[in-house]
PDB file of N, CA and C in Angstrom:
ATOM      1  N   ASN A   1    -122.987  98.651 -59.575  1.00  0.00           N
ATOM      2  CA  ASN A   1    -123.360  98.017 -60.828  1.00  0.00           C
ATOM      3  C   ASN A   1    -122.741  96.633 -60.885  1.00  0.00           C
ATOM      4  N   MET A   2    -123.505  95.694 -61.406  1.00  0.00           N
ATOM      5  CA  MET A   2    -123.018  94.329 -61.554  1.00  0.00           C
ATOM      6  C   MET A   2    -123.560  93.764 -62.859  1.00  0.00           C
ATOM      7  N   TRP A   3    -122.743  92.974 -63.549  1.00  0.00           N
ATOM      8  CA  TRP A   3    -123.180  92.365 -64.796  1.00  0.00           C
ATOM      9  C   TRP A   3    -122.438  91.063 -65.028  1.00  0.00           C
ATOM     10  N   TYR A   4    -122.964  90.295 -65.971  1.00  0.00           N
ATOM     11  CA  TYR A   4    -122.441  88.988 -66.341  1.00  0.00           C
ATOM     12  C   TYR A   4    -122.127  89.044 -67.826  1.00  0.00           C
ATOM     13  N   GLN A   5    -121.046  88.430 -68.232  1.00  0.00           N
ATOM     14  CA  GLN A   5    -120.690  88.469 -69.642  1.00  0.00           C
ATOM     15  C   GLN A   5    -120.034  87.149 -70.039  1.00  0.00           C
ATOM     16  N   GLN A   6    -120.337  86.725 -71.264  1.00  0.00           N
ATOM     17  CA  GLN A   6    -119.685  85.547 -71.832  1.00  0.00           C
ATOM     18  C   GLN A   6    -119.024  85.939 -73.142  1.00  0.00           C
ATOM     19  N   TYR A   7    -117.847  85.388 -73.359  1.00  0.00           N
ATOM     20  CA  TYR A   7    -117.080  85.662 -74.565  1.00  0.00           C
ATOM     21  C   TYR A   7    -116.886  84.355 -75.321  1.00  0.00           C
ATOM     22  N   ALA A   8    -117.483  84.260 -76.506  1.00  0.00           N
ATOM     23  CA  ALA A   8    -117.293  83.100 -77.382  1.00  0.00           C
ATOM     24  C   ALA A   8    -116.020  83.317 -78.195  1.00  0.00           C
ATOM     25  N   ASN A   9    -115.729  82.414 -79.094  1.00  0.00           N
ATOM     26  CA  ASN A   9    -114.546  82.535 -79.947  1.00  0.00           C
ATOM     27  C   ASN A   9    -114.541  83.870 -80.686  1.00  0.00           C
ATOM     28  N   ASN A  10    -113.428  84.575 -80.609  1.00  0.00           N
ATOM     29  CA  ASN A  10    -113.177  85.873 -81.257  1.00  0.00           C
ATOM     30  C   ASN A  10    -113.917  87.055 -80.638  1.00  0.00           C
ATOM     31  N   SER A  11    -114.687  86.854 -79.584  1.00  0.00           N
ATOM     32  CA  SER A  11    -115.349  88.014 -78.974  1.00  0.00           C
ATOM     33  C   SER A  11    -114.389  88.710 -78.015  1.00  0.00           C
ATOM     34  N   LYS A  12    -114.642  90.000 -77.781  1.00  0.00           N
ATOM     35  CA  LYS A  12    -113.745  90.835 -76.982  1.00  0.00           C
ATOM     36  C   LYS A  12    -114.505  92.025 -76.425  1.00  0.00           C
ATOM     37  N   HIS A  13    -113.847  92.813 -75.605  1.00  0.00           N
ATOM     38  CA  HIS A  13    -114.382  94.073 -75.103  1.00  0.00           C
ATOM     39  C   HIS A  13    -113.269  95.104 -75.254  1.00  0.00           C
ATOM     40  N   GLN A  14    -113.545  96.170 -75.980  1.00  0.00           N
ATOM     41  CA  GLN A  14    -112.522  97.174 -76.309  1.00  0.00           C
ATOM     42  C   GLN A  14    -112.020  97.921 -75.074  1.00  0.00           C
ATOM     43  N   TRP A  15    -110.925  98.654 -75.243  1.00  0.00           N
ATOM     44  CA  TRP A  15    -110.359  99.474 -74.172  1.00  0.00           C
ATOM     45  C   TRP A  15    -111.412 100.455 -73.655  1.00  0.00           C
ATOM     46  N   HIS A  16    -111.511 100.567 -72.346  1.00  0.00           N
ATOM     47  CA  HIS A  16    -112.462 101.486 -71.720  1.00  0.00           C
ATOM     48  C   HIS A  16    -112.064 101.699 -70.268  1.00  0.00           C
ATOM     49  N   ARG A  17    -112.739 102.601 -69.615  1.00  0.00           N
ATOM     50  CA  ARG A  17    -112.558 102.825 -68.177  1.00  0.00           C
ATOM     51  C   ARG A  17    -113.917 103.154 -67.582  1.00  0.00           C
ATOM     52  N   HIS A  18    -113.999 103.064 -66.268  1.00  0.00           N
ATOM     53  CA  HIS A  18    -115.239 103.361 -65.551  1.00  0.00           C
ATOM     54  C   HIS A  18    -114.999 104.632 -64.745  1.00  0.00           C
ATOM     55  N   THR A  19    -115.723 105.674 -65.062  1.00  0.00           N
ATOM     56  CA  THR A  19    -115.453 106.989 -64.470  1.00  0.00           C
ATOM     57  C   THR A  19    -116.334 107.329 -63.266  1.00  0.00           C
ATOM     58  N   GLU A  20    -117.391 106.608 -63.032  1.00  0.00           N
ATOM     59  CA  GLU A  20    -118.330 106.957 -61.959  1.00  0.00           C
ATOM     60  C   GLU A  20    -118.134 106.111 -60.703  1.00  0.00           C
ATOM     61  N   CYS A  21    -116.944 105.506 -60.559  1.00  0.00           N
ATOM     62  CA  CYS A  21    -116.688 104.671 -59.387  1.00  0.00           C
ATOM     63  C   CYS A  21    -115.187 104.642 -59.105  1.00  0.00           C
ATOM     64  N   ASN A  22    -114.813 104.058 -57.971  1.00  0.00           N
ATOM     65  CA  ASN A  22    -113.403 103.969 -57.594  1.00  0.00           C
ATOM     66  C   ASN A  22    -112.727 102.689 -58.075  1.00  0.00           C
ATOM     67  N   TRP A  23    -113.441 101.569 -58.002  1.00  0.00           N
ATOM     68  CA  TRP A  23    -112.851 100.259 -58.287  1.00  0.00           C
ATOM     69  C   TRP A  23    -113.716  99.461 -59.250  1.00  0.00           C
ATOM     70  N   SER A  24    -113.073  98.623 -60.040  1.00  0.00           N
ATOM     71  CA  SER A  24    -113.755  97.650 -60.893  1.00  0.00           C
ATOM     72  C   SER A  24    -113.247  96.265 -60.516  1.00  0.00           C
ATOM     73  N   ALA A  25    -114.110  95.273 -60.694  1.00  0.00           N
ATOM     74  CA  ALA A  25    -113.732  93.907 -60.344  1.00  0.00           C
ATOM     75  C   ALA A  25    -114.255  92.940 -61.397  1.00  0.00           C
ATOM     76  N   VAL A  26    -113.488  91.886 -61.601  1.00  0.00           N
ATOM     77  CA  VAL A  26    -113.872  90.808 -62.516  1.00  0.00           C
ATOM     78  C   VAL A  26    -113.698  89.491 -61.772  1.00  0.00           C
ATOM     79  N   TYR A  27    -114.781  88.703 -61.702  1.00  0.00           N
ATOM     80  CA  TYR A  27    -114.718  87.358 -61.135  1.00  0.00           C
ATOM     81  C   TYR A  27    -114.787  86.385 -62.301  1.00  0.00           C
ATOM     82  N   TYR A  28    -113.806  85.511 -62.387  1.00  0.00           N
ATOM     83  CA  TYR A  28    -113.689  84.589 -63.523  1.00  0.00           C
ATOM     84  C   TYR A  28    -114.391  83.270 -63.217  1.00  0.00           C
ATOM     85  N   LEU A  29    -115.570  83.080 -63.807  1.00  0.00           N
ATOM     86  CA  LEU A  29    -116.306  81.821 -63.677  1.00  0.00           C
ATOM     87  C   LEU A  29    -115.676  80.747 -64.557  1.00  0.00           C
ATOM     88  N   GLU A  30    -115.395  81.112 -65.800  1.00  0.00           N
ATOM     89  CA  GLU A  30    -114.745  80.214 -66.758  1.00  0.00           C
ATOM     90  C   GLU A  30    -113.639  81.003 -67.449  1.00  0.00           C
ATOM     91  N   LEU A  31    -112.432  80.486 -67.415  1.00  0.00           N
ATOM     92  CA  LEU A  31    -111.293  81.152 -68.039  1.00  0.00           C
ATOM     93  C   LEU A  31    -110.494  80.091 -68.798  1.00  0.00           C
ATOM     94  N   PRO A  32    -110.777  79.945 -70.101  1.00  0.00           N
ATOM     95  CA  PRO A  32    -110.147  78.872 -70.875  1.00  0.00           C
ATOM     96  C   PRO A  32    -108.636  79.018 -71.022  1.00  0.00           C
ATOM     97  N   SER A  33    -108.138  80.236 -70.917  1.00  0.00           N
ATOM     98  CA  SER A  33    -106.707  80.493 -71.051  1.00  0.00           C
ATOM     99  C   SER A  33    -106.391  81.807 -70.355  1.00  0.00           C
ATOM    100  N   ASN A  34    -105.237  81.885 -69.737  1.00  0.00           N
ATOM    101  CA  ASN A  34    -104.833  83.130 -69.088  1.00  0.00           C
ATOM    102  C   ASN A  34    -104.657  84.243 -70.117  1.00  0.00           C
ATOM    103  N   ASP A  35    -104.461  83.893 -71.371  1.00  0.00           N
ATOM    104  CA  ASP A  35    -104.288  84.888 -72.427  1.00  0.00           C
ATOM    105  C   ASP A  35    -105.543  85.734 -72.660  1.00  0.00           C
ATOM    106  N   VAL A  36    -106.692  85.290 -72.168  1.00  0.00           N
ATOM    107  CA  VAL A  36    -107.929  86.062 -72.359  1.00  0.00           C
ATOM    108  C   VAL A  36    -108.374  86.770 -71.074  1.00  0.00           C
ATOM    109  N   ALA A  37    -107.517  86.769 -70.049  1.00  0.00           N
ATOM    110  CA  ALA A  37    -107.815  87.504 -68.819  1.00  0.00           C
ATOM    111  C   ALA A  37    -107.748  89.012 -69.087  1.00  0.00           C
ATOM    112  N   THR A  38    -108.383  89.779 -68.245  1.00  0.00           N
ATOM    113  CA  THR A  38    -108.416  91.236 -68.371  1.00  0.00           C
ATOM    114  C   THR A  38    -107.006  91.811 -68.465  1.00  0.00           C
ATOM    115  N   GLN A  39    -106.846  92.751 -69.375  1.00  0.00           N
ATOM    116  CA  GLN A  39    -105.570  93.450 -69.526  1.00  0.00           C
ATOM    117  C   GLN A  39    -105.759  94.911 -69.142  1.00  0.00           C
ATOM    118  N   LEU A  40    -104.742  95.485 -68.516  1.00  0.00           N
ATOM    119  CA  LEU A  40    -104.720  96.902 -68.174  1.00  0.00           C
ATOM    120  C   LEU A  40    -103.724  97.599 -69.085  1.00  0.00           C
ATOM    121  N   PHE A  41    -103.918  98.912 -69.297  1.00  0.00           N
ATOM    122  CA  PHE A  41    -102.983  99.657 -70.139  1.00  0.00           C
ATOM    123  C   PHE A  41    -102.267 100.713 -69.314  1.00  0.00           C
ATOM    124  N   ASP A  42    -100.946 100.632 -69.316  1.00  0.00           N
ATOM    125  CA  ASP A  42    -100.079 101.576 -68.606  1.00  0.00           C
ATOM    126  C   ASP A  42     -99.781 102.732 -69.558  1.00  0.00           C
ATOM    127  N   ILE A  43    -100.517 103.842 -69.428  1.00  0.00           N
ATOM    128  CA  ILE A  43    -100.382 104.982 -70.347  1.00  0.00           C
ATOM    129  C   ILE A  43     -98.990 105.615 -70.286  1.00  0.00           C
ATOM    130  N   PRO A  44     -98.416 105.905 -69.095  1.00  0.00           N
ATOM    131  CA  PRO A  44     -97.094 106.551 -69.079  1.00  0.00           C
ATOM    132  C   PRO A  44     -96.008 105.733 -69.785  1.00  0.00           C
ATOM    133  N   ASN A  45     -96.104 104.404 -69.681  1.00  0.00           N
ATOM    134  CA  ASN A  45     -95.102 103.543 -70.321  1.00  0.00           C
ATOM    135  C   ASN A  45     -95.561 102.969 -71.651  1.00  0.00           C
ATOM    136  N   ASN A  46     -96.774 103.332 -72.082  1.00  0.00           N
ATOM    137  CA  ASN A  46     -97.328 102.914 -73.364  1.00  0.00           C
ATOM    138  C   ASN A  46     -97.223 101.401 -73.581  1.00  0.00           C
ATOM    139  N   LYS A  47     -97.753 100.640 -72.580  1.00  0.00           N
ATOM    140  CA  LYS A  47     -97.692  99.187 -72.725  1.00  0.00           C
ATOM    141  C   LYS A  47     -98.864  98.511 -72.031  1.00  0.00           C
ATOM    142  N   ILE A  48     -99.176  97.321 -72.493  1.00  0.00           N
ATOM    143  CA  ILE A  48    -100.221  96.498 -71.900  1.00  0.00           C
ATOM    144  C   ILE A  48     -99.642  95.765 -70.699  1.00  0.00           C
ATOM    145  N   VAL A  49    -100.414  95.777 -69.615  1.00  0.00           N
ATOM    146  CA  VAL A  49    -100.040  95.044 -68.414  1.00  0.00           C
ATOM    147  C   VAL A  49    -100.972  93.846 -68.321  1.00  0.00           C
ATOM    148  N   HIS A  50    -100.397  92.660 -68.266  1.00  0.00           N
ATOM    149  CA  HIS A  50    -101.178  91.423 -68.243  1.00  0.00           C
ATOM    150  C   HIS A  50    -100.750  90.612 -67.029  1.00  0.00           C
ATOM    151  N   GLU A  51    -101.662  90.416 -66.105  1.00  0.00           N
ATOM    152  CA  GLU A  51    -101.374  89.633 -64.900  1.00  0.00           C
ATOM    153  C   GLU A  51    -101.421  88.151 -65.266  1.00  0.00           C
ATOM    154  N   LYS A  52    -100.282  87.480 -65.223  1.00  0.00           N
ATOM    155  CA  LYS A  52    -100.179  86.089 -65.681  1.00  0.00           C
ATOM    156  C   LYS A  52    -100.670  85.063 -64.666  1.00  0.00           C
ATOM    157  N   ASN A  53    -100.990  85.483 -63.438  1.00  0.00           N
ATOM    158  CA  ASN A  53    -101.381  84.520 -62.418  1.00  0.00           C
ATOM    159  C   ASN A  53    -102.889  84.361 -62.255  1.00  0.00           C
ATOM    160  N   ILE A  54    -103.691  84.979 -63.093  1.00  0.00           N
ATOM    161  CA  ILE A  54    -105.148  84.888 -62.975  1.00  0.00           C
ATOM    162  C   ILE A  54    -105.615  83.524 -63.450  1.00  0.00           C
ATOM    163  N   LYS A  55    -106.566  82.941 -62.685  1.00  0.00           N
ATOM    164  CA  LYS A  55    -107.129  81.643 -63.053  1.00  0.00           C
ATOM    165  C   LYS A  55    -108.612  81.622 -62.695  1.00  0.00           C
ATOM    166  N   GLU A  56    -109.319  80.600 -63.155  1.00  0.00           N
ATOM    167  CA  GLU A  56    -110.738  80.457 -62.826  1.00  0.00           C
ATOM    168  C   GLU A  56    -110.932  80.525 -61.317  1.00  0.00           C
ATOM    169  N   GLY A  57    -111.970  81.246 -60.889  1.00  0.00           N
ATOM    170  CA  GLY A  57    -112.276  81.385 -59.479  1.00  0.00           C
ATOM    171  C   GLY A  57    -111.634  82.600 -58.833  1.00  0.00           C
ATOM    172  N   ASP A  58    -110.748  83.288 -59.566  1.00  0.00           N
ATOM    173  CA  ASP A  58    -110.094  84.483 -59.027  1.00  0.00           C
ATOM    174  C   ASP A  58    -110.985  85.712 -59.173  1.00  0.00           C
ATOM    175  N   LEU A  59    -110.800  86.649 -58.245  1.00  0.00           N
ATOM    176  CA  LEU A  59    -111.428  87.963 -58.310  1.00  0.00           C
ATOM    177  C   LEU A  59    -110.308  88.969 -58.552  1.00  0.00           C
ATOM    178  N   PHE A  60    -110.389  89.693 -59.661  1.00  0.00           N
ATOM    179  CA  PHE A  60    -109.374  90.678 -60.042  1.00  0.00           C
ATOM    180  C   PHE A  60    -109.961  92.058 -59.775  1.00  0.00           C
ATOM    181  N   LEU A  61    -109.365  92.802 -58.850  1.00  0.00           N
ATOM    182  CA  LEU A  61    -109.826  94.123 -58.443  1.00  0.00           C
ATOM    183  C   LEU A  61    -108.771  95.147 -58.852  1.00  0.00           C
ATOM    184  N   PHE A  62    -109.204  96.245 -59.479  1.00  0.00           N
ATOM    185  CA  PHE A  62    -108.265  97.258 -59.958  1.00  0.00           C
ATOM    186  C   PHE A  62    -108.943  98.623 -59.971  1.00  0.00           C
ATOM    187  N   PRO A  63    -108.148  99.716 -59.930  1.00  0.00           N
ATOM    188  CA  PRO A  63    -108.735 101.057 -59.988  1.00  0.00           C
ATOM    189  C   PRO A  63    -109.554 101.230 -61.275  1.00  0.00           C
ATOM    190  N   ALA A  64    -110.762 101.716 -61.129  1.00  0.00           N
ATOM    191  CA  ALA A  64    -111.705 101.796 -62.248  1.00  0.00           C
ATOM    192  C   ALA A  64    -111.290 102.771 -63.339  1.00  0.00           C
ATOM    193  N   ASN A  65    -110.418 103.727 -63.019  1.00  0.00           N
ATOM    194  CA  ASN A  65    -110.042 104.724 -64.024  1.00  0.00           C
ATOM    195  C   ASN A  65    -108.882 104.258 -64.914  1.00  0.00           C
ATOM    196  N   ILE A  66    -108.372 103.053 -64.677  1.00  0.00           N
ATOM    197  CA  ILE A  66    -107.317 102.506 -65.540  1.00  0.00           C
ATOM    198  C   ILE A  66    -107.952 101.914 -66.790  1.00  0.00           C
ATOM    199  N   LEU A  67    -107.385 102.236 -67.953  1.00  0.00           N
ATOM    200  CA  LEU A  67    -107.867 101.625 -69.194  1.00  0.00           C
ATOM    201  C   LEU A  67    -107.720 100.116 -69.093  1.00  0.00           C
ATOM    202  N   HIS A  68    -108.763  99.393 -69.484  1.00  0.00           N
ATOM    203  CA  HIS A  68    -108.721  97.935 -69.449  1.00  0.00           C
ATOM    204  C   HIS A  68    -109.578  97.365 -70.568  1.00  0.00           C
ATOM    205  N   ARG A  69    -109.336  96.086 -70.862  1.00  0.00           N
ATOM    206  CA  ARG A  69    -110.101  95.409 -71.915  1.00  0.00           C
ATOM    207  C   ARG A  69    -110.091  93.910 -71.669  1.00  0.00           C
ATOM    208  N   SER A  70    -110.977  93.250 -72.393  1.00  0.00           N
ATOM    209  CA  SER A  70    -110.923  91.804 -72.506  1.00  0.00           C
ATOM    210  C   SER A  70    -110.392  91.519 -73.907  1.00  0.00           C
ATOM    211  N   PRO A  71    -109.184  90.942 -74.014  1.00  0.00           N
ATOM    212  CA  PRO A  71    -108.631  90.692 -75.340  1.00  0.00           C
ATOM    213  C   PRO A  71    -109.463  89.650 -76.091  1.00  0.00           C
ATOM    214  N   PRO A  72    -109.288  89.527 -77.390  1.00  0.00           N
ATOM    215  CA  PRO A  72    -110.053  88.535 -78.164  1.00  0.00           C
ATOM    216  C   PRO A  72    -109.881  87.129 -77.589  1.00  0.00           C
ATOM    217  N   ASN A  73    -110.992  86.441 -77.474  1.00  0.00           N
ATOM    218  CA  ASN A  73    -110.967  85.053 -77.021  1.00  0.00           C
ATOM    219  C   ASN A  73    -110.622  84.180 -78.225  1.00  0.00           C
ATOM    220  N   LEU A  74    -109.388  83.785 -78.336  1.00  0.00           N
ATOM    221  CA  LEU A  74    -108.924  82.998 -79.476  1.00  0.00           C
ATOM    222  C   LEU A  74    -108.986  81.501 -79.195  1.00  0.00           C
ATOM    223  N   THR A  75    -109.748  81.123 -78.168  1.00  0.00           N
ATOM    224  CA  THR A  75    -109.939  79.707 -77.864  1.00  0.00           C
ATOM    225  C   THR A  75    -111.311  79.272 -78.381  1.00  0.00           C
ATOM    226  N   ASN A  76    -111.568  78.002 -78.356  1.00  0.00           N
ATOM    227  CA  ASN A  76    -112.884  77.486 -78.746  1.00  0.00           C
ATOM    228  C   ASN A  76    -113.795  77.294 -77.547  1.00  0.00           C
ATOM    229  N   ASN A  77    -113.357  77.764 -76.380  1.00  0.00           N
ATOM    230  CA  ASN A  77    -114.129  77.626 -75.149  1.00  0.00           C
ATOM    231  C   ASN A  77    -114.659  78.987 -74.705  1.00  0.00           C
ATOM    232  N   ILE A  78    -115.752  78.970 -73.978  1.00  0.00           N
ATOM    233  CA  ILE A  78    -116.397  80.182 -73.489  1.00  0.00           C
ATOM    234  C   ILE A  78    -115.629  80.742 -72.286  1.00  0.00           C
ATOM    235  N   LYS A  79    -115.466  82.046 -72.271  1.00  0.00           N
ATOM    236  CA  LYS A  79    -114.972  82.768 -71.090  1.00  0.00           C
ATOM    237  C   LYS A  79    -116.202  83.400 -70.454  1.00  0.00           C
ATOM    238  N   SER A  80    -116.415  83.146 -69.159  1.00  0.00           N
ATOM    239  CA  SER A  80    -117.578  83.698 -68.447  1.00  0.00           C
ATOM    240  C   SER A  80    -117.092  84.470 -67.231  1.00  0.00           C
ATOM    241  N   ILE A  81    -117.635  85.675 -67.065  1.00  0.00           N
ATOM    242  CA  ILE A  81    -117.240  86.527 -65.941  1.00  0.00           C
ATOM    243  C   ILE A  81    -118.467  87.158 -65.289  1.00  0.00           C
ATOM    244  N   ILE A  82    -118.294  87.533 -64.035  1.00  0.00           N
ATOM    245  CA  ILE A  82    -119.211  88.444 -63.349  1.00  0.00           C
ATOM    246  C   ILE A  82    -118.364  89.663 -63.021  1.00  0.00           C
ATOM    247  N   SER A  83    -118.856  90.833 -63.388  1.00  0.00           N
ATOM    248  CA  SER A  83    -118.104  92.068 -63.162  1.00  0.00           C
ATOM    249  C   SER A  83    -118.952  93.028 -62.342  1.00  0.00           C
ATOM    250  N   PHE A  84    -118.274  93.874 -61.573  1.00  0.00           N
ATOM    251  CA  PHE A  84    -118.999  94.881 -60.801  1.00  0.00           C
ATOM    252  C   PHE A  84    -118.080  96.050 -60.486  1.00  0.00           C
ATOM    253  N   ASN A  85    -118.702  97.172 -60.158  1.00  0.00           N
ATOM    254  CA  ASN A  85    -117.985  98.372 -59.755  1.00  0.00           C
ATOM    255  C   ASN A  85    -118.240  98.646 -58.282  1.00  0.00           C
ATOM    256  N   LEU A  86    -117.253  99.220 -57.635  1.00  0.00           N
ATOM    257  CA  LEU A  86    -117.343  99.578 -56.215  1.00  0.00           C
ATOM    258  C   LEU A  86    -116.988 101.041 -56.045  1.00  0.00           C
ATOM    259  N   ASP A  87    -117.638 101.664 -55.085  1.00  0.00           N
ATOM    260  CA  ASP A  87    -117.329 103.056 -54.789  1.00  0.00           C
ATOM    261  C   ASP A  87    -117.333 103.229 -53.276  1.00  0.00           C
ATOM    262  N   PHE A  88    -116.199 103.622 -52.719  1.00  0.00           N
ATOM    263  CA  PHE A  88    -116.079 103.853 -51.289  1.00  0.00           C
ATOM    264  C   PHE A  88    -115.968 105.347 -51.053  1.00  0.00           C
ATOM    265  N   ASP A  89    -116.780 105.862 -50.143  1.00  0.00           N
ATOM    266  CA  ASP A  89    -116.759 107.295 -49.880  1.00  0.00           C
ATOM    267  C   ASP A  89    -116.105 107.652 -48.550  1.00  0.00           C
ATOM    268  N   GLY A  90    -115.634 106.666 -47.804  1.00  0.00           N
ATOM    269  CA  GLY A  90    -114.943 106.928 -46.544  1.00  0.00           C
ATOM    270  C   GLY A  90    -115.851 107.018 -45.344  1.00  0.00           C
ATOM    271  N   THR A  91    -117.170 106.899 -45.507  1.00  0.00           N
ATOM    272  CA  THR A  91    -118.080 106.951 -44.364  1.00  0.00           C
ATOM    273  C   THR A  91    -118.460 105.532 -43.944  1.00  0.00           C
ATOM    274  N   ILE A  92    -118.843 105.401 -42.723  1.00  0.00           N
ATOM    275  CA  ILE A  92    -119.247 104.077 -42.211  1.00  0.00           C
ATOM    276  C   ILE A  92    -120.722 104.069 -41.927  1.00  0.00           C
TER     277      ILE A  92
END
């Protein structure tokens, strides 16, 4: 699965996970601030994990079953991403 999404001012994507695949990925076409990069939720430690080194042009790959979200875009600039899911079954 692959999709494209844009986030205007105050738009967001709530906490969710992808259950029908192994990996999820986000490619950042436009990232007005690192504060609006994808966040993961660490359930055992009850805290948000935010990778501070993400920038435009980066591909962020993470296990699909981890809760994640796009926090509210509190900037006046558009955040644009291409996202996709990957599933590896071990066969060649």
